[in-house]
Amino acid sequence: MEEQSQSGSPETPKIGYCNPPEHTRFKKGQSGNPRGRPKGTLNLATVLERTLRERVAVNENGRRKTITKLEASIKQLTNKAASGDFKAMQLLATLVRSAEERAAQIPDPDVGLDEDDQQVLEGILSRYGASALETQGGERGDQTK
């Protein structure tokens, strides 16, 4: 091979692993997936959420009610766990544990601000209050002082 390249014949491009032929390579500025994912295609989470929010009719204590599929499945799971099904008990305990963890992560809106945040908020409110009084005129400003 070395003799051919030295004798003046044109070099053939190297083709092999990590070197595809030039005619099959992506052109510069052209996407490898030009059409992409079609708009409106739903992912698994969206389909699952829509399905669980569908309403179904259920007979409960002789009365017909409409509840979501999620509520119906949770009711069935708790009823099975109450009747002694061990797998249902395990699954229900796992669901309760994860729900409690999520509830603990959400900050309580009734909790007050710490001192630094309170000072920043008071500063903003005092500046806003002063600018609002200046724009409304002197009469209201005199009444509030």
Protein backbone atom coordinates (compact mmCIF):
# COMPACT_ATOMS: atom_id res chain seq x y z
CA MET A 1 0.00 0.00 0.00
CA GLU A 2 2.74 2.40 0.83
CA GLU A 3 4.25 1.95 -2.62
CA GLN A 4 1.02 3.07 -4.35
CA SER A 5 0.69 6.25 -2.29
CA GLN A 6 4.32 7.16 -2.97
CA SER A 7 4.06 6.48 -6.71
CA GLY A 8 1.72 9.44 -7.21
CA SER A 9 -1.72 7.84 -7.36
CA PRO A 10 -4.46 9.81 -5.50
CA GLU A 11 -4.97 8.81 -1.87
CA THR A 12 -8.22 7.03 -1.08
CA PRO A 13 -9.89 8.29 2.07
CA LYS A 14 -9.55 6.06 5.09
CA ILE A 15 -12.85 4.24 5.67
CA GLY A 16 -13.56 2.15 8.74
CA TYR A 17 -14.30 2.50 12.46
CA CYS A 18 -15.09 6.18 13.28
CA ASN A 19 -14.46 7.08 9.62
CA PRO A 20 -17.67 6.57 7.62
CA PRO A 21 -17.65 7.20 3.88
CA GLU A 22 -18.06 10.88 2.99
CA HIS A 23 -21.32 10.40 1.09
CA THR A 24 -23.03 8.95 4.21
CA ARG A 25 -21.82 11.59 6.69
CA PHE A 26 -24.10 14.35 7.96
CA LYS A 27 -23.74 17.52 5.94
CA LYS A 28 -22.58 20.62 7.82
CA GLY A 29 -25.51 22.60 9.19
CA GLN A 30 -27.99 19.76 8.63
CA SER A 31 -29.63 17.96 11.51
CA GLY A 32 -29.38 14.20 11.84
CA ASN A 33 -33.05 14.08 12.80
CA PRO A 34 -34.69 16.78 10.67
CA ARG A 35 -38.29 15.92 11.44
CA GLY A 36 -37.72 15.23 15.13
CA ARG A 37 -40.47 14.14 17.46
CA PRO A 38 -43.89 15.06 16.04
CA LYS A 39 -45.72 17.82 17.88
CA GLY A 40 -48.52 16.62 20.09
CA THR A 41 -46.91 13.28 20.85
CA LEU A 42 -47.57 12.48 24.50
CA ASN A 43 -45.03 11.02 26.85
CA LEU A 44 -45.78 8.27 29.37
CA ALA A 45 -46.26 10.62 32.32
CA THR A 46 -48.88 12.69 30.47
CA VAL A 47 -50.82 9.63 29.32
CA LEU A 48 -50.72 8.16 32.84
CA GLU A 49 -51.91 11.42 34.41
CA ARG A 50 -54.80 11.76 31.95
CA THR A 51 -55.85 8.16 32.48
CA LEU A 52 -55.78 8.43 36.27
CA ARG A 53 -57.91 11.60 36.15
CA GLU A 54 -60.69 9.96 34.14
CA ARG A 55 -63.89 9.55 36.07
CA VAL A 56 -65.65 6.22 36.69
CA ALA A 57 -68.98 5.33 38.28
CA VAL A 58 -68.74 3.38 41.54
CA ASN A 59 -71.42 1.88 43.79
CA GLU A 60 -70.58 2.75 47.37
CA ASN A 61 -72.98 1.95 50.25
CA GLY A 62 -75.81 1.46 47.75
CA ARG A 63 -75.27 4.86 46.14
CA ARG A 64 -73.72 5.57 42.78
CA LYS A 65 -70.79 8.01 42.81
CA THR A 66 -68.37 9.20 40.18
CA ILE A 67 -64.75 9.34 41.28
CA THR A 68 -61.41 9.39 39.50
CA LYS A 69 -59.64 6.18 38.58
CA LEU A 70 -56.85 7.13 40.96
CA GLU A 71 -59.28 7.41 43.86
CA ALA A 72 -60.92 4.10 42.90
CA SER A 73 -57.58 2.30 42.75
CA ILE A 74 -56.47 3.73 46.12
CA LYS A 75 -59.79 2.64 47.66
CA GLN A 76 -59.36 -0.87 46.26
CA LEU A 77 -55.80 -1.03 47.54
CA THR A 78 -56.79 0.08 51.05
CA ASN A 79 -59.71 -2.38 51.10
CA LYS A 80 -57.40 -5.26 50.10
CA ALA A 81 -54.85 -4.21 52.73
CA ALA A 82 -57.61 -4.04 55.37
CA SER A 83 -58.77 -7.53 54.43
CA GLY A 84 -55.27 -8.90 55.08
CA ASP A 85 -53.56 -9.01 51.67
CA PHE A 86 -49.84 -8.75 52.56
CA LYS A 87 -48.68 -7.37 49.18
CA ALA A 88 -51.38 -4.69 49.33
CA MET A 89 -50.21 -3.78 52.85
CA GLN A 90 -46.62 -3.40 51.66
CA LEU A 91 -47.61 -1.27 48.67
CA LEU A 92 -49.88 0.91 50.78
CA ALA A 93 -47.15 1.42 53.39
CA THR A 94 -44.73 2.47 50.63
CA LEU A 95 -47.25 4.93 49.20
CA VAL A 96 -47.98 6.42 52.62
CA ARG A 97 -44.26 6.77 53.37
CA SER A 98 -43.55 8.55 50.06
CA ALA A 99 -46.56 10.85 50.54
CA GLU A 100 -45.36 11.78 54.03
CA GLU A 101 -41.86 12.50 52.70
CA ARG A 102 -43.27 14.78 50.00
CA ALA A 103 -45.43 16.57 52.58
CA ALA A 104 -42.38 17.12 54.79
CA GLN A 105 -40.43 18.65 51.88
CA ILE A 106 -43.10 21.24 51.07
CA PRO A 107 -42.54 24.35 53.21
CA ASP A 108 -45.39 25.32 55.50
CA PRO A 109 -46.84 28.69 54.40
CA ASP A 110 -47.67 29.60 58.03
CA VAL A 111 -44.00 29.51 59.05
CA GLY A 112 -42.65 33.04 59.56
CA LEU A 113 -39.68 34.51 57.77
CA ASP A 114 -36.25 34.54 59.36
CA GLU A 115 -34.83 37.91 60.49
CA ASP A 116 -32.85 38.70 57.32
CA ASP A 117 -35.81 38.02 55.04
CA GLN A 118 -38.09 40.06 57.30
CA GLN A 119 -35.73 43.07 57.14
CA VAL A 120 -35.51 42.87 53.34
CA LEU A 121 -39.30 42.65 53.05
CA GLU A 122 -39.78 45.63 55.40
CA GLY A 123 -37.30 47.67 53.36
CA ILE A 124 -39.14 46.90 50.12
CA LEU A 125 -42.50 47.73 51.65
CA SER A 126 -41.25 51.00 53.14
CA ARG A 127 -39.81 52.08 49.76
CA TYR A 128 -42.99 51.07 47.96
CA GLY A 129 -45.18 52.81 50.52
CA ALA A 130 -43.17 56.04 50.26
CA SER A 131 -43.32 56.07 46.45
CA ALA A 132 -47.05 55.28 46.46
CA LEU A 133 -47.73 58.18 48.83
CA GLU A 134 -45.74 60.61 46.67
CA THR A 135 -47.68 59.67 43.54
CA GLN A 136 -51.10 59.91 45.22
CA GLY A 137 -50.68 63.49 46.40
CA GLY A 138 -50.20 65.29 49.68
CA GLU A 139 -53.66 64.79 51.20
CA ARG A 140 -53.40 61.06 51.72
CA GLY A 141 -49.76 61.38 52.69
CA ASP A 142 -50.71 63.80 55.49
CA GLN A 143 -53.46 61.49 56.73
CA THR A 144 -51.21 58.45 56.98
CA LYS A 145 -48.46 60.25 58.91
